[in-house]
Amino acid sequence: MAGQAVGGRRVAGAATQTAAGSVKAFLAAIGTAVRRNRAKRGMTRRQLAQASETSERYLAQIESGSGNPSVSVLRAIALALDLDPAALLPEASAGRSAAAGHVLDLLAQMPAGEWPALIKDIEGRVMRTEQADRGRRIALIGLRGAGKSTLGRVLAQQLGWPFIELDRLVEEDYGASIPDLMEMAGTATFRRHERSALSRVIAEHEAAIVTTAGGIVADPETYALLLRRSHTVWIKARPEEHMSRVMAQGDFRPMAQNRQAMDDLVAILDARRTDYARAEAALDTSGEAVEQSLAKLLRLVERWIRS
């Protein structure tokens, strides 16, 4: 009997360790989801902490996987990120349909390098009926400092087309700057205005050069609309060039904490890379003068200009 008891304790101990490991992995997955979604939206940890009314220290623990957030804390964080709380749970897909589950299982078996081509194929099937609706609208997407506004303005001048900065339309509609809008009304309100402005541009302009905020990819519905109804080009550059160009524009905020700022920038690029890569074309402006990048951009969009 004593031997059985010892054996029983051994089994129970192993089961406890397995359960603890499962919980640890679960919390780590939540932390990864919070961190990536924060980076995708270009939010600092302090900004998310303030928006979710969670202490910055506790948020850091959650992101590292060492914190165990309550349901209410997780809900507050999700709402601050403009997400359904279930989006932060690694097991949220448990109730998916059999067909969707099978598709996701097959995707998990594919090499990551094949995903971009697969995404384009799926989008091509979904958007085939709307191809003609893109007109000659050309949208430049990407992180601030890549050269979107500079290239977009010059390209529009050369073509004689309207140049539209989506953020400026939002500011005109709301009657305040984007930072003030975000502070007073929150991210969700900004995203609604952004989508409304994009819909108006599509309705009013058959041909135009449009630049968007780098975080437009954080709103799946708005980004899908942009991809469906315009030809998109990802304007990109090396992280250090993004930083130096923003500073050259007179914005020294990124240098307040240089190392942390660069780490945040790299994290944002990493979190958005897959979404940016859904654009029809990409242009790297690293180390190039405006004239060089413009010549490359003209070659990229030539087929759309003539359509």
Protein backbone atom coordinates (compact mmCIF):
# COMPACT_ATOMS: atom_id res chain seq x y z
CA MET A 1 0.00 0.00 0.00
CA ALA A 2 2.84 2.36 0.83
CA GLY A 3 4.41 1.68 -2.56
CA GLN A 4 1.11 2.42 -4.24
CA ALA A 5 0.81 5.67 -2.33
CA VAL A 6 4.28 6.74 -3.35
CA GLY A 7 3.50 5.80 -6.94
CA GLY A 8 0.28 7.76 -6.75
CA ARG A 9 2.10 10.83 -5.48
CA ARG A 10 4.60 10.47 -8.32
CA VAL A 11 1.82 10.37 -10.93
CA ALA A 12 0.03 13.28 -9.28
CA GLY A 13 3.26 15.27 -9.21
CA ALA A 14 3.87 14.64 -12.90
CA ALA A 15 0.32 15.68 -13.72
CA THR A 16 0.74 18.87 -11.70
CA GLN A 17 3.97 19.70 -13.56
CA THR A 18 2.25 19.08 -16.89
CA ALA A 19 -0.64 21.35 -15.93
CA ALA A 20 1.75 24.05 -14.75
CA GLY A 21 3.64 23.83 -18.01
CA SER A 22 0.42 24.15 -19.97
CA VAL A 23 -0.61 27.24 -18.01
CA LYS A 24 2.83 28.77 -18.50
CA ALA A 25 2.63 28.20 -22.26
CA PHE A 26 -0.90 29.66 -22.30
CA LEU A 27 0.18 32.84 -20.49
CA ALA A 28 3.22 33.18 -22.75
CA ALA A 29 0.95 32.98 -25.80
CA ILE A 30 -1.29 35.71 -24.37
CA GLY A 31 1.76 37.86 -23.73
CA THR A 32 2.95 37.39 -27.30
CA ALA A 33 -0.49 38.30 -28.67
CA VAL A 34 -0.65 41.49 -26.58
CA ARG A 35 2.90 42.52 -27.51
CA ARG A 36 2.45 41.91 -31.25
CA ASN A 37 -0.92 43.67 -31.43
CA ARG A 38 0.48 46.63 -29.51
CA ALA A 39 3.44 46.84 -31.89
CA LYS A 40 1.18 46.48 -34.93
CA ARG A 41 -0.71 49.57 -33.81
CA GLY A 42 2.48 51.50 -33.08
CA MET A 43 1.57 51.92 -29.40
CA THR A 44 4.18 52.12 -26.67
CA ARG A 45 3.68 50.04 -23.55
CA ARG A 46 3.00 53.23 -21.62
CA GLN A 47 0.28 54.28 -24.07
CA LEU A 48 -1.43 50.90 -23.85
CA ALA A 49 -1.16 50.94 -20.06
CA GLN A 50 -2.86 54.33 -19.94
CA ALA A 51 -5.55 53.39 -22.46
CA SER A 52 -6.38 50.16 -20.63
CA GLU A 53 -5.97 51.68 -17.15
CA THR A 54 -3.44 48.98 -16.32
CA SER A 55 -0.13 49.63 -14.60
CA GLU A 56 2.81 49.70 -16.98
CA ARG A 57 4.72 47.29 -14.75
CA TYR A 58 1.89 44.76 -14.74
CA LEU A 59 1.49 45.10 -18.51
CA ALA A 60 5.20 44.32 -18.89
CA GLN A 61 4.67 41.17 -16.80
CA ILE A 62 1.73 40.14 -18.98
CA GLU A 63 3.72 40.64 -22.17
CA SER A 64 6.61 38.60 -20.80
CA GLY A 65 4.27 35.73 -19.90
CA SER A 66 4.89 36.03 -16.17
CA GLY A 67 1.65 37.87 -15.44
CA ASN A 68 -1.70 36.14 -15.06
CA PRO A 69 -4.31 38.74 -16.08
CA SER A 70 -7.88 38.54 -14.89
CA VAL A 71 -10.71 38.48 -17.42
CA SER A 72 -11.49 42.14 -16.75
CA VAL A 73 -7.85 43.21 -17.26
CA LEU A 74 -7.60 41.21 -20.48
CA ARG A 75 -10.86 42.76 -21.69
CA ALA A 76 -9.57 46.27 -20.91
CA ILE A 77 -6.35 45.61 -22.83
CA ALA A 78 -8.26 44.18 -25.81
CA LEU A 79 -10.65 47.15 -25.95
CA ALA A 80 -7.70 49.55 -25.81
CA LEU A 81 -6.28 47.69 -28.81
CA ASP A 82 -9.69 47.82 -30.54
CA LEU A 83 -9.89 44.02 -30.50
CA ASP A 84 -12.38 41.39 -29.48
CA PRO A 85 -11.02 40.01 -26.17
CA ALA A 86 -11.08 36.51 -27.68
CA ALA A 87 -8.41 37.64 -30.16
CA LEU A 88 -5.86 37.61 -27.33
CA LEU A 89 -6.65 34.04 -26.32
CA PRO A 90 -4.57 31.32 -28.00
CA GLU A 91 -7.43 28.85 -27.76
CA ALA A 92 -10.05 31.17 -29.25
CA SER A 93 -10.13 29.08 -32.40
CA ALA A 94 -11.41 26.03 -30.51
CA GLY A 95 -14.96 26.63 -31.70
CA ARG A 96 -14.07 27.11 -35.36
CA SER A 97 -15.90 25.14 -38.06
CA ALA A 98 -14.49 21.83 -39.26
CA ALA A 99 -13.76 23.27 -42.70
CA ALA A 100 -11.98 26.32 -41.31
CA GLY A 101 -10.09 24.12 -38.89
CA HIS A 102 -8.94 21.88 -41.73
CA VAL A 103 -7.71 24.88 -43.72
CA LEU A 104 -5.78 26.22 -40.73
CA ASP A 105 -4.29 22.79 -40.04
CA LEU A 106 -3.06 22.60 -43.63
CA LEU A 107 -1.61 26.10 -43.37
CA ALA A 108 0.33 25.07 -40.29
CA GLN A 109 2.06 22.38 -42.36
CA MET A 110 3.21 24.81 -45.06
CA PRO A 111 6.63 26.49 -44.98
CA ALA A 112 6.31 30.13 -43.90
CA GLY A 113 8.05 31.19 -47.10
CA GLU A 114 5.06 30.01 -49.16
CA TRP A 115 2.48 32.05 -47.25
CA PRO A 116 2.79 35.36 -49.18
CA ALA A 117 2.08 33.62 -52.50
CA LEU A 118 -0.84 31.74 -50.96
CA ILE A 119 -2.30 34.93 -49.49
CA LYS A 120 -2.14 36.64 -52.89
CA ASP A 121 -3.86 33.63 -54.48
CA ILE A 122 -6.68 33.68 -51.93
CA GLU A 123 -7.08 37.44 -52.25
CA GLY A 124 -7.17 37.06 -56.02
CA ARG A 125 -10.09 34.64 -55.71
CA VAL A 126 -11.94 36.84 -53.23
CA MET A 127 -11.40 40.08 -55.12
CA ARG A 128 -11.62 38.82 -58.71
CA THR A 129 -15.01 40.42 -59.26
CA GLU A 130 -13.77 43.75 -57.94
CA GLN A 131 -10.54 44.08 -59.92
CA ALA A 132 -12.03 46.66 -62.27
CA ASP A 133 -13.16 48.75 -59.29
CA ARG A 134 -9.58 49.71 -58.38
CA GLY A 135 -9.60 52.27 -61.16
CA ARG A 136 -6.36 54.21 -61.22
CA ARG A 137 -6.22 54.82 -57.49
CA ILE A 138 -2.70 54.19 -56.20
CA ALA A 139 -2.19 53.94 -52.43
CA LEU A 140 1.20 54.17 -50.76
CA ILE A 141 1.43 52.34 -47.46
CA GLY A 142 4.20 51.79 -44.95
CA LEU A 143 5.77 53.16 -41.82
CA ARG A 144 6.41 56.87 -41.30
CA GLY A 145 9.77 57.98 -42.66
CA ALA A 146 9.85 55.65 -45.67
CA GLY A 147 9.02 58.46 -48.09
CA LYS A 148 5.30 57.96 -48.77
CA SER A 149 4.28 61.61 -48.65
CA THR A 150 7.31 62.92 -50.53
CA LEU A 151 7.02 60.36 -53.33
CA GLY A 152 3.23 60.53 -53.43
CA ARG A 153 3.16 64.30 -53.79
CA VAL A 154 5.74 64.33 -56.61
CA LEU A 155 4.10 61.40 -58.40
CA ALA A 156 0.70 63.14 -58.27
CA GLN A 157 2.23 66.32 -59.68
CA GLN A 158 3.79 64.46 -62.59
CA LEU A 159 0.56 62.65 -63.42
CA GLY A 160 -1.70 65.63 -62.82
CA TRP A 161 -3.76 63.60 -60.36
CA PRO A 162 -5.11 64.59 -56.92
CA PHE A 163 -2.77 63.90 -54.01
CA ILE A 164 -4.70 62.80 -50.92
CA GLU A 165 -3.31 62.23 -47.45
CA LEU A 166 -5.92 60.18 -45.62
CA ASP A 167 -4.83 61.49 -42.21
CA ARG A 168 -5.44 65.08 -43.34
CA LEU A 169 -8.99 64.17 -44.38
CA VAL A 170 -9.60 62.63 -40.97
CA GLU A 171 -8.32 65.78 -39.26
CA GLU A 172 -10.60 67.95 -41.42
CA ASP A 173 -13.60 65.75 -40.65
CA TYR A 174 -12.96 65.63 -36.91
CA GLY A 175 -11.69 69.18 -36.53
CA ALA A 176 -8.58 68.21 -34.57
CA SER A 177 -5.14 66.73 -35.10
CA ILE A 178 -4.69 62.96 -35.13
CA PRO A 179 -2.86 62.91 -31.74
CA ASP A 180 -5.66 65.00 -30.18
CA LEU A 181 -8.32 62.79 -31.76
CA MET A 182 -6.65 59.67 -30.38
CA GLU A 183 -6.29 61.20 -26.93
CA MET A 184 -9.82 62.58 -26.71
CA ALA A 185 -11.84 59.90 -28.52
CA GLY A 186 -9.64 56.82 -28.68
CA THR A 187 -8.36 54.51 -31.38
CA ALA A 188 -11.74 53.06 -32.32
CA THR A 189 -13.11 56.53 -33.20
CA PHE A 190 -10.03 57.31 -35.27
CA ARG A 191 -10.40 54.03 -37.19
CA ARG A 192 -14.06 54.81 -37.94
CA HIS A 193 -13.13 58.23 -39.33
CA GLU A 194 -10.28 56.68 -41.32
CA ARG A 195 -12.60 54.13 -42.92
CA SER A 196 -15.18 56.80 -43.69
CA ALA A 197 -12.53 59.02 -45.30
CA LEU A 198 -11.24 56.14 -47.41
CA SER A 199 -14.76 55.27 -48.58
CA ARG A 200 -15.29 58.88 -49.64
CA VAL A 201 -12.00 58.96 -51.57
CA ILE A 202 -12.99 55.79 -53.42
CA ALA A 203 -16.42 57.17 -54.27
CA GLU A 204 -15.14 60.55 -55.47
CA HIS A 205 -11.87 59.73 -57.27
CA GLU A 206 -11.34 57.29 -60.12
CA ALA A 207 -7.68 58.32 -60.28
CA ALA A 208 -5.67 59.60 -57.32
CA ILE A 209 -2.48 59.11 -55.33
CA VAL A 210 -3.36 58.28 -51.73
CA THR A 211 -1.09 57.99 -48.70
CA THR A 212 -2.23 56.31 -45.51
CA ALA A 213 -1.13 56.13 -41.89
CA GLY A 214 1.27 53.28 -41.24
CA GLY A 215 -1.18 51.69 -38.81
CA ILE A 216 -3.99 51.26 -41.34
CA VAL A 217 -3.04 47.58 -41.49
CA ALA A 218 -4.18 47.23 -37.86
CA ASP A 219 -7.82 47.54 -38.97
CA PRO A 220 -8.59 44.45 -41.08
CA GLU A 221 -11.80 45.89 -42.55
CA THR A 222 -10.27 49.21 -43.62
CA TYR A 223 -7.13 47.58 -44.96
CA ALA A 224 -9.15 45.02 -46.92
CA LEU A 225 -11.15 47.89 -48.44
CA LEU A 226 -7.92 49.64 -49.43
CA LEU A 227 -6.52 46.49 -51.05
CA ARG A 228 -9.76 45.81 -52.93
CA ARG A 229 -10.33 49.29 -54.25
CA SER A 230 -6.83 50.62 -54.96
CA HIS A 231 -3.46 49.50 -56.29
CA THR A 232 -1.13 49.42 -53.30
CA VAL A 233 2.63 49.91 -53.00
CA TRP A 234 4.54 49.24 -49.80
CA ILE A 235 7.12 52.02 -49.40
CA LYS A 236 9.79 50.74 -47.03
CA ALA A 237 13.29 51.50 -45.75
CA ARG A 238 15.79 50.25 -43.20
CA PRO A 239 14.80 51.00 -39.57
CA GLU A 240 17.67 53.43 -39.04
CA GLU A 241 16.58 55.40 -42.11
CA HIS A 242 13.00 55.57 -40.87
CA MET A 243 14.34 57.06 -37.63
CA SER A 244 16.74 59.54 -39.22
CA ARG A 245 14.14 60.80 -41.71
CA VAL A 246 11.56 61.40 -38.99
CA MET A 247 14.17 63.38 -37.05
CA ALA A 248 15.08 65.34 -40.18
CA GLN A 249 11.42 66.40 -40.35
CA GLY A 250 11.91 68.04 -36.95
CA ASP A 251 10.36 65.35 -34.78
CA PHE A 252 12.89 64.55 -32.04
CA ARG A 253 10.53 62.45 -29.93
CA PRO A 254 12.00 59.15 -31.16
CA MET A 255 15.34 60.17 -29.59
CA ALA A 256 13.90 60.61 -26.10
CA GLN A 257 14.96 57.04 -25.32
CA ASN A 258 17.03 56.10 -28.34
CA ARG A 259 17.63 52.40 -27.71
CA GLN A 260 14.06 51.73 -26.66
CA ALA A 261 12.74 53.80 -29.58
CA MET A 262 14.73 51.77 -32.10
CA ASP A 263 13.63 48.51 -30.47
CA ASP A 264 10.00 49.66 -30.68
CA LEU A 265 10.45 50.62 -34.34
CA VAL A 266 11.87 47.22 -35.20
CA ALA A 267 9.02 45.54 -33.30
CA ILE A 268 6.42 47.58 -35.22
CA LEU A 269 8.00 46.69 -38.56
CA ASP A 270 8.13 43.04 -37.59
CA ALA A 271 4.48 43.00 -36.45
CA ARG A 272 3.26 44.70 -39.65
CA ARG A 273 5.59 43.08 -42.18
CA THR A 274 3.18 40.32 -43.24
CA ASP A 275 0.34 42.82 -43.72
CA TYR A 276 2.47 45.32 -45.63
CA ALA A 277 3.64 42.46 -47.86
CA ARG A 278 0.04 41.99 -49.06
CA ALA A 279 0.50 45.08 -51.24
CA GLU A 280 0.71 44.51 -54.98
CA ALA A 281 4.24 45.92 -55.13
CA ALA A 282 7.01 47.08 -52.81
CA LEU A 283 9.64 49.79 -53.14
CA ASP A 284 12.70 50.03 -50.87
CA THR A 285 13.90 53.64 -50.64
CA SER A 286 16.93 52.92 -48.45
CA GLY A 287 19.99 54.92 -49.44
CA GLU A 288 18.31 56.54 -52.43
CA ALA A 289 17.61 60.11 -53.47
CA VAL A 290 13.99 61.08 -54.15
CA GLU A 291 14.65 61.13 -57.91
CA GLN A 292 15.92 57.54 -57.88
CA SER A 293 12.99 56.22 -55.87
CA LEU A 294 10.51 58.17 -58.00
CA ALA A 295 11.89 56.63 -61.21
CA LYS A 296 11.46 53.15 -59.71
CA LEU A 297 7.96 53.98 -58.49
CA LEU A 298 6.93 55.17 -61.95
CA ARG A 299 8.09 51.88 -63.45
CA LEU A 300 6.12 49.95 -60.83
CA VAL A 301 2.83 51.79 -61.38
CA GLU A 302 3.08 52.21 -65.15
CA ARG A 303 0.61 49.40 -65.90
CA TRP A 304 -1.96 50.86 -63.48
CA ILE A 305 -1.63 54.36 -64.91
CA ARG A 306 -2.57 53.09 -68.36
CA SER A 307 -5.52 50.99 -67.26
